[in-house]
Structures are given as structure tokens and as C-alpha cells.
Amino acid sequence: MKIRKLKLLDKYRVYSIKFRESKVSQIINHPYLFLLPYIFLFSLIILLPTFISAALSMTHFNTVQFPTLVGFKNFIDIFTIDNIFVQNAIPNTFTYALIVGSCGYIFSFFVAWLLAQVTPKVRTLYTLCIYSPSITGPVMMVVVWKVVFSGDQRGYLNYLLLQIGFIKEPIQFLQNPEILFPIVILIGLWSSAGLGFLAMLAGMLNIDKTLYEAGAIDGIKNRWQEIFYITIPSMKPQMLFGAVMAIVGAFNISGIAVALSGGITPPQYAGWMIMDHATDFGFVRYEMGYAAAITIVLFVGVFILNRISYKMFGDNT
């Protein structure tokens, strides 16, 4: 019996070795097979909609009739005929992105740096408080801030200004184009500490403390020098991630000005963003081809800015 068992084991070993050397085994153990679920979902959720949007941007499609090919007409109309897009949507979006994206990025970095200096319990509490606004949807943000800037005496800001005698009658904050856009920027700054902030905080907490000790020996004298010579170079991946998230979040904003003003469009298109323009043409006017062309223009702009971020914080070695 023992001899038979040994023979069976030998046969099993021979078959297992042959299987490992076979093409089937090589295919099953191929690294790309493990990436297949991610590749499938990425293609289904990201690549396929992108290609469909690019194809629709070359057509006239009203969601009822079959799309008709118009070539680059939509893109030409965007920059030659669509005055609202050129005069309002583009300047508002880039102004918002410049202020909220850059200031929010710097704010996230320095808040993360400050929280890295405190005890874990205090850090957890403050991190939760700072991160919470970023996971709040635009509609919920508007509900909170609409109470603050309400145009009657019940608005918190109007009530405060009336009580101290600064104004004699309530100010229509949300109907004044000169005030509405700064309010949108304020809301954006309030909710700017998102995933990039968490990534920066995690990066700072994982920096080797001996680097600071070595820096002190080499002549670093204050915290500012530590930030520029040790902290930032040691967390370039997190800085890159934060920059990408700040750019995408700033250019992807939509709906806040419309929800604050309470109309189909805000007064004099104050706070009217590129995504608002695409949403208006896509889901109000049902011109899907034109809306797709607007999103492609936005995609190209975000892609260029992301490449600049990679040049600044990416590993160029």
C-alpha cells in the first residue's frame, strides 16, 4: 500500500509540474488576469462614456431622433456663437478654479501640517470637522448657506447687520450678481478640504522623523525650512494627488449659483460654470451633441492642467 501511495504521489507531482509548465497555467497565473476586473470596470465606467461623449460631440442629437453627423460644427459654435459660454461660463470657471483650487490646495496643506503636530485624539476630531463639508452635496450646502444669506430679515447675516445698525433694510445677497459669485467662491473654499487634504495628512504622518533630526544637524533652523526642504519633497505623491483632486473638483463644480438664486439661471449668469452650461444644454434643452462638445472642451482643459501638475510634483527621474 505504501508503494502504491508513493507511486500516486510521484504521478501527481509529475502532472503538477507539467501543468505549471503548460500554457493554460501561464495564462491563469498571468499578472494581467488579476487586473482584469479593474480594467473591465474602468473601461465600462470611464473609457466607454468618454468615447461615447466624444462621438456625440460630432453630432446633432436631441435624444429623440437618431444622431446626425455635423463634424466640428458644435466646437466652432461654442467659441464663435455661444456668447454666454465665452463671456460668462469660461471666465467664471477659471476664476473659481484659480481662487478655490489654489487657495483650497494651500489651505489643505497647511491645515494638514497643523493637525500633524497635535495628539491623535485631537487630530481625529478636527479632521472629521474639516473634512465633513467636502462630502456634503451641493444641494445640502445650499440649504445651509441659503439661510445665512437669505434676502429677508430672517437671514442670519441680514439680521446681524440690521441689529448692529449697519444697514436699514435687508440686502438681496442671492439676487445681486456682484455678491452672488463671491458667495459661490466662499462656499467652494468652505468645502475645499476633501480627499486631497486627507492624502496630505496621511503623507505627513508617514514621513520618517529621523529626516527632521538629520535636517537639524545639517543646518535647518525653523519650521518653514523644514516644510520646504523636508516635508514637501518627502510627500510629492500626496501633493500630486491633492493637486489633481483640487483641479478636478474646481472645474467640476455646478449647480450652486442656480440653487442659491432659485431660478433656472442665476442673475446675469453670475456664478454660471462650464458644467452648468453643459447641464443646461443636455438636460433642459436636450441638445446632447452640443452638451457633449462642451464636456470635451472641459476635459481637454482639465487634462492639460493635470499634466502641468504631473510636471511639478511627479517623479521625473
Protein backbone atom coordinates (compact mmCIF):
# COMPACT_ATOMS: atom_id res chain seq x y z
CA MET A 1 0.00 0.00 0.00
CA LYS A 2 2.78 2.41 0.84
CA ILE A 3 4.45 1.71 -2.51
CA ARG A 4 1.19 2.47 -4.36
CA LYS A 5 0.74 5.72 -2.44
CA LEU A 6 4.28 6.75 -3.28
CA LYS A 7 3.69 5.99 -6.96
CA LEU A 8 0.47 8.03 -6.91
CA LEU A 9 2.29 10.93 -5.28
CA ASP A 10 5.02 10.76 -7.90
CA LYS A 11 2.44 10.81 -10.69
CA TYR A 12 0.70 13.79 -9.04
CA ARG A 13 3.98 15.65 -8.84
CA VAL A 14 4.74 14.93 -12.47
CA TYR A 15 1.30 16.11 -13.57
CA SER A 16 1.53 19.25 -11.40
CA ILE A 17 4.94 20.11 -12.89
CA LYS A 18 3.60 19.61 -16.41
CA PHE A 19 0.57 21.79 -15.62
CA ARG A 20 2.75 24.57 -14.29
CA GLU A 21 4.79 24.47 -17.48
CA SER A 22 1.70 24.40 -19.72
CA LYS A 23 0.24 27.43 -21.50
CA VAL A 24 -3.01 27.16 -19.50
CA SER A 25 -1.10 27.60 -16.26
CA GLN A 26 0.82 30.55 -17.69
CA ILE A 27 -2.44 32.22 -18.71
CA ILE A 28 -4.10 31.61 -15.33
CA ASN A 29 -1.10 32.98 -13.43
CA HIS A 30 -0.56 35.94 -15.74
CA PRO A 31 -0.49 39.29 -13.87
CA TYR A 32 -2.93 40.93 -16.27
CA LEU A 33 -5.58 38.38 -15.31
CA PHE A 34 -5.64 39.86 -11.82
CA LEU A 35 -6.05 43.32 -13.33
CA LEU A 36 -8.96 42.18 -15.50
CA PRO A 37 -11.77 43.21 -13.05
CA TYR A 38 -10.30 46.71 -12.71
CA ILE A 39 -9.69 47.01 -16.46
CA PHE A 40 -13.27 45.91 -17.15
CA LEU A 41 -14.84 48.36 -14.69
CA PHE A 42 -12.55 51.21 -15.74
CA SER A 43 -13.43 50.63 -19.39
CA LEU A 44 -17.14 50.35 -18.63
CA ILE A 45 -17.41 53.37 -16.31
CA ILE A 46 -14.69 55.72 -17.61
CA LEU A 47 -13.44 54.89 -21.10
CA LEU A 48 -16.73 53.91 -22.73
CA PRO A 49 -18.65 57.06 -21.63
CA THR A 50 -15.68 59.20 -22.71
CA PHE A 51 -15.63 57.70 -26.20
CA ILE A 52 -19.42 57.97 -26.46
CA SER A 53 -19.27 61.62 -25.42
CA ALA A 54 -16.52 62.30 -27.96
CA ALA A 55 -18.61 60.65 -30.68
CA LEU A 56 -21.77 62.55 -29.71
CA SER A 57 -19.86 65.85 -29.75
CA MET A 58 -19.60 65.46 -33.53
CA THR A 59 -23.36 65.07 -33.95
CA HIS A 60 -26.68 66.83 -33.51
CA PHE A 61 -28.65 64.69 -31.07
CA ASN A 62 -31.91 65.71 -29.41
CA THR A 63 -32.47 62.39 -27.55
CA VAL A 64 -35.46 61.58 -29.79
CA GLN A 65 -34.16 61.37 -33.35
CA PHE A 66 -31.12 59.41 -34.44
CA PRO A 67 -27.89 61.49 -34.18
CA THR A 68 -26.84 63.27 -37.36
CA LEU A 69 -23.17 63.92 -38.07
CA VAL A 70 -22.20 67.61 -38.08
CA GLY A 71 -18.42 67.32 -37.72
CA PHE A 72 -16.73 70.11 -35.76
CA LYS A 73 -19.72 72.46 -36.02
CA ASN A 74 -20.53 72.18 -32.30
CA PHE A 75 -16.98 73.15 -31.32
CA ILE A 76 -16.97 76.07 -33.76
CA ASP A 77 -20.32 77.29 -32.41
CA ILE A 78 -19.05 77.10 -28.82
CA PHE A 79 -16.29 79.64 -29.44
CA THR A 80 -17.92 81.79 -32.15
CA ILE A 81 -21.66 81.95 -31.46
CA ASP A 82 -22.20 80.97 -27.83
CA ASN A 83 -21.62 84.30 -26.09
CA ILE A 84 -22.75 83.01 -22.69
CA PHE A 85 -20.12 80.28 -22.77
CA VAL A 86 -17.30 82.62 -23.81
CA GLN A 87 -18.26 85.68 -21.74
CA ASN A 88 -19.65 84.00 -18.61
CA ALA A 89 -19.00 80.28 -18.27
CA ILE A 90 -15.28 80.26 -19.12
CA PRO A 91 -14.28 83.37 -17.06
CA ASN A 92 -16.38 82.25 -14.08
CA THR A 93 -15.00 78.71 -14.14
CA PHE A 94 -11.37 79.76 -14.44
CA THR A 95 -11.78 82.46 -11.78
CA TYR A 96 -13.39 79.94 -9.45
CA ALA A 97 -10.72 77.33 -10.18
CA LEU A 98 -7.90 79.84 -9.68
CA ILE A 99 -9.20 81.03 -6.32
CA VAL A 100 -10.80 77.90 -4.87
CA GLY A 101 -8.37 75.42 -6.44
CA SER A 102 -5.17 77.21 -5.45
CA CYS A 103 -6.32 78.64 -2.11
CA GLY A 104 -8.09 75.41 -1.17
CA TYR A 105 -4.95 73.45 -2.02
CA ILE A 106 -2.73 75.67 0.10
CA PHE A 107 -5.33 75.65 2.90
CA SER A 108 -5.49 71.84 2.84
CA PHE A 109 -1.70 71.57 3.05
CA PHE A 110 -1.26 73.92 5.99
CA VAL A 111 -4.23 72.52 7.90
CA ALA A 112 -2.82 69.03 7.39
CA TRP A 113 0.56 70.29 8.61
CA LEU A 114 -1.02 71.82 11.72
CA LEU A 115 -3.00 68.68 12.51
CA ALA A 116 0.13 66.56 12.15
CA GLN A 117 1.58 68.42 15.16
CA VAL A 118 -1.22 67.59 17.63
CA THR A 119 -2.18 64.43 19.51
CA PRO A 120 -4.09 61.65 17.66
CA LYS A 121 -7.40 62.17 19.50
CA VAL A 122 -7.49 65.91 18.81
CA ARG A 123 -6.34 65.28 15.24
CA THR A 124 -9.19 62.82 14.60
CA LEU A 125 -11.82 65.25 15.86
CA TYR A 126 -10.56 68.22 13.84
CA THR A 127 -10.01 66.10 10.73
CA LEU A 128 -13.63 64.98 10.85
CA CYS A 129 -14.86 68.56 11.26
CA ILE A 130 -12.70 69.90 8.41
CA TYR A 131 -13.38 67.03 6.01
CA SER A 132 -17.16 66.86 6.55
CA PRO A 133 -18.14 69.83 4.31
CA SER A 134 -16.41 68.23 1.30
CA ILE A 135 -18.68 65.17 1.41
CA THR A 136 -21.78 67.34 1.62
CA GLY A 137 -23.64 67.53 -1.68
CA PRO A 138 -24.24 70.89 -3.42
CA VAL A 139 -27.94 70.81 -2.53
CA MET A 140 -27.25 70.36 1.18
CA MET A 141 -24.56 73.06 1.10
CA VAL A 142 -27.07 75.44 -0.46
CA VAL A 143 -29.63 74.67 2.25
CA VAL A 144 -27.13 75.74 4.93
CA TRP A 145 -25.79 78.83 3.21
CA LYS A 146 -29.16 79.98 1.89
CA VAL A 147 -30.29 80.52 5.47
CA VAL A 148 -27.20 82.61 6.16
CA PHE A 149 -27.57 84.83 3.06
CA SER A 150 -31.36 84.95 2.86
CA GLY A 151 -32.64 88.26 1.48
CA ASP A 152 -35.13 88.94 4.28
CA GLN A 153 -34.83 89.72 7.98
CA ARG A 154 -34.72 86.01 8.83
CA GLY A 155 -31.35 85.61 7.09
CA TYR A 156 -28.60 85.35 9.68
CA LEU A 157 -26.32 87.90 8.03
CA ASN A 158 -29.11 90.40 7.34
CA TYR A 159 -30.39 90.02 10.89
CA LEU A 160 -26.93 90.66 12.32
CA LEU A 161 -26.33 93.71 10.11
CA LEU A 162 -29.77 95.14 11.00
CA GLN A 163 -29.20 94.61 14.72
CA ILE A 164 -25.89 96.49 14.73
CA GLY A 165 -27.36 99.26 12.55
CA PHE A 166 -25.01 98.69 9.62
CA ILE A 167 -27.94 98.56 7.14
CA LYS A 168 -31.51 99.87 7.26
CA GLU A 169 -33.16 97.25 5.05
CA PRO A 170 -32.25 93.66 4.11
CA ILE A 171 -29.79 93.12 1.26
CA GLN A 172 -30.70 90.71 -1.53
CA PHE A 173 -27.42 88.82 -1.40
CA LEU A 174 -28.57 85.96 -3.62
CA GLN A 175 -30.12 88.14 -6.32
CA ASN A 176 -27.24 90.58 -6.69
CA PRO A 177 -24.81 89.41 -9.41
CA GLU A 178 -21.91 91.25 -7.80
CA ILE A 179 -22.42 89.40 -4.50
CA LEU A 180 -23.66 86.00 -5.68
CA PHE A 181 -20.42 84.89 -7.32
CA PRO A 182 -18.26 85.71 -4.24
CA ILE A 183 -20.73 83.68 -2.17
CA VAL A 184 -20.23 80.74 -4.54
CA ILE A 185 -16.45 81.09 -4.11
CA LEU A 186 -16.88 81.25 -0.31
CA ILE A 187 -18.88 78.02 -0.36
CA GLY A 188 -16.22 76.42 -2.54
CA LEU A 189 -13.46 77.39 -0.11
CA TRP A 190 -15.54 76.10 2.81
CA SER A 191 -15.76 72.66 1.20
CA SER A 192 -12.31 72.53 -0.42
CA ALA A 193 -10.61 70.28 2.15
CA GLY A 194 -11.52 66.93 0.61
CA LEU A 195 -9.60 63.79 -0.34
CA GLY A 196 -6.51 65.84 -1.15
CA PHE A 197 -6.46 67.09 2.44
CA LEU A 198 -6.67 63.53 3.80
CA ALA A 199 -3.92 62.38 1.44
CA MET A 200 -1.63 65.21 2.56
CA LEU A 201 -2.32 64.48 6.22
CA ALA A 202 -1.56 60.79 5.69
CA GLY A 203 1.64 61.69 3.84
CA MET A 204 2.85 63.95 6.62
CA LEU A 205 2.16 61.35 9.29
CA ASN A 206 4.25 58.80 7.39
CA ILE A 207 7.35 60.98 6.95
CA ASP A 208 10.37 59.48 8.69
CA LYS A 209 11.04 61.57 11.81
CA THR A 210 14.76 60.96 11.52
CA LEU A 211 14.77 63.19 8.42
CA TYR A 212 13.93 66.17 10.62
CA GLU A 213 16.68 65.23 13.06
CA ALA A 214 19.17 64.95 10.21
CA GLY A 215 17.95 68.28 8.84
CA ALA A 216 18.53 69.96 12.20
CA ILE A 217 22.09 68.63 12.21
CA ASP A 218 22.62 69.87 8.62
CA GLY A 219 21.56 73.42 9.49
CA ILE A 220 17.77 73.67 9.18
CA LYS A 221 16.79 76.28 11.75
CA ASN A 222 13.00 76.74 11.65
CA ARG A 223 9.70 75.14 10.65
CA TRP A 224 9.49 76.95 7.30
CA GLN A 225 12.76 75.42 6.21
CA GLU A 226 11.52 72.02 7.38
CA ILE A 227 8.41 72.40 5.21
CA PHE A 228 10.26 73.40 2.03
CA TYR A 229 13.32 71.15 2.35
CA ILE A 230 11.91 68.03 4.06
CA THR A 231 8.12 67.89 4.24
CA ILE A 232 7.19 68.77 0.65
CA PRO A 233 9.94 66.69 -1.04
CA SER A 234 9.03 63.70 1.15
CA MET A 235 5.35 63.70 0.18
CA LYS A 236 5.36 64.51 -3.53
CA PRO A 237 2.90 61.70 -4.39
CA GLN A 238 0.36 63.06 -1.92
CA MET A 239 0.96 66.60 -3.19
CA LEU A 240 0.33 65.39 -6.74
CA PHE A 241 -2.86 63.63 -5.71
CA GLY A 242 -4.07 66.73 -3.87
CA ALA A 243 -3.32 68.93 -6.90
CA VAL A 244 -5.21 66.61 -9.26
CA MET A 245 -8.21 66.42 -6.93
CA ALA A 246 -8.21 70.21 -6.46
CA ILE A 247 -8.19 70.79 -10.24
CA VAL A 248 -10.90 68.23 -10.97
CA GLY A 249 -13.08 69.42 -8.10
CA ALA A 250 -12.76 73.09 -9.05
CA PHE A 251 -13.67 72.53 -12.71
CA ASN A 252 -16.41 70.01 -11.93
CA ILE A 253 -18.46 72.42 -9.80
CA SER A 254 -22.02 73.12 -10.91
CA GLY A 255 -25.47 73.99 -9.66
CA ILE A 256 -24.56 76.12 -6.64
CA ALA A 257 -25.36 79.54 -8.10
CA VAL A 258 -28.60 78.25 -9.64
CA ALA A 259 -29.72 76.67 -6.36
CA LEU A 260 -28.83 79.78 -4.35
CA SER A 261 -30.69 82.20 -6.64
CA GLY A 262 -33.69 79.90 -7.03
CA GLY A 263 -34.10 80.32 -10.80
CA ILE A 264 -33.31 78.39 -13.95
CA THR A 265 -30.22 80.55 -14.38
CA PRO A 266 -28.57 82.90 -11.85
CA PRO A 267 -28.95 86.68 -12.25
CA GLN A 268 -26.87 87.85 -15.22
CA TYR A 269 -25.25 84.41 -15.24
CA ALA A 270 -23.22 85.22 -12.11
CA GLY A 271 -21.54 82.02 -10.96
CA TRP A 272 -22.50 80.24 -14.19
CA MET A 273 -19.93 77.47 -14.74
CA ILE A 274 -18.99 75.32 -17.73
CA MET A 275 -20.71 72.31 -16.17
CA ASP A 276 -23.84 74.43 -15.63
CA HIS A 277 -23.75 75.27 -19.34
CA ALA A 278 -23.38 71.60 -20.30
CA THR A 279 -26.21 70.60 -17.95
CA ASP A 280 -28.45 73.32 -19.37
CA PHE A 281 -27.97 72.19 -22.97
CA GLY A 282 -28.07 68.49 -22.13
CA PHE A 283 -30.97 68.18 -19.69
CA VAL A 284 -33.02 71.35 -20.26
CA ARG A 285 -32.71 71.97 -23.99
CA TYR A 286 -31.93 68.30 -24.85
CA GLU A 287 -29.12 69.22 -27.24
CA MET A 288 -26.94 66.29 -26.24
CA GLY A 289 -24.43 66.72 -29.07
CA TYR A 290 -23.70 70.31 -28.11
CA ALA A 291 -23.55 69.43 -24.41
CA ALA A 292 -21.09 66.62 -25.18
CA ALA A 293 -18.89 69.09 -27.08
CA ILE A 294 -18.83 71.38 -24.02
CA THR A 295 -17.74 68.50 -21.79
CA ILE A 296 -14.97 67.56 -24.25
CA VAL A 297 -13.66 71.14 -24.12
CA LEU A 298 -13.69 70.94 -20.32
CA PHE A 299 -11.98 67.53 -20.42
CA VAL A 300 -9.15 68.87 -22.58
CA GLY A 301 -8.63 71.85 -20.25
CA VAL A 302 -8.54 69.66 -17.12
CA PHE A 303 -6.19 67.20 -18.84
CA ILE A 304 -3.71 69.97 -19.70
CA LEU A 305 -3.74 71.30 -16.14
CA ASN A 306 -3.26 67.80 -14.74
CA ARG A 307 -0.23 67.31 -16.96
CA ILE A 308 1.21 70.52 -15.55
CA SER A 309 0.64 69.11 -12.04
CA TYR A 310 2.48 65.93 -13.01
CA LYS A 311 5.42 68.01 -14.22
CA MET A 312 5.52 69.87 -10.90
CA PHE A 313 5.02 67.02 -8.42
CA GLY A 314 5.57 63.85 -10.45
CA ASP A 315 8.67 61.71 -10.32
CA ASN A 316 10.77 62.94 -13.22
CA THR A 317 13.67 60.61 -12.57
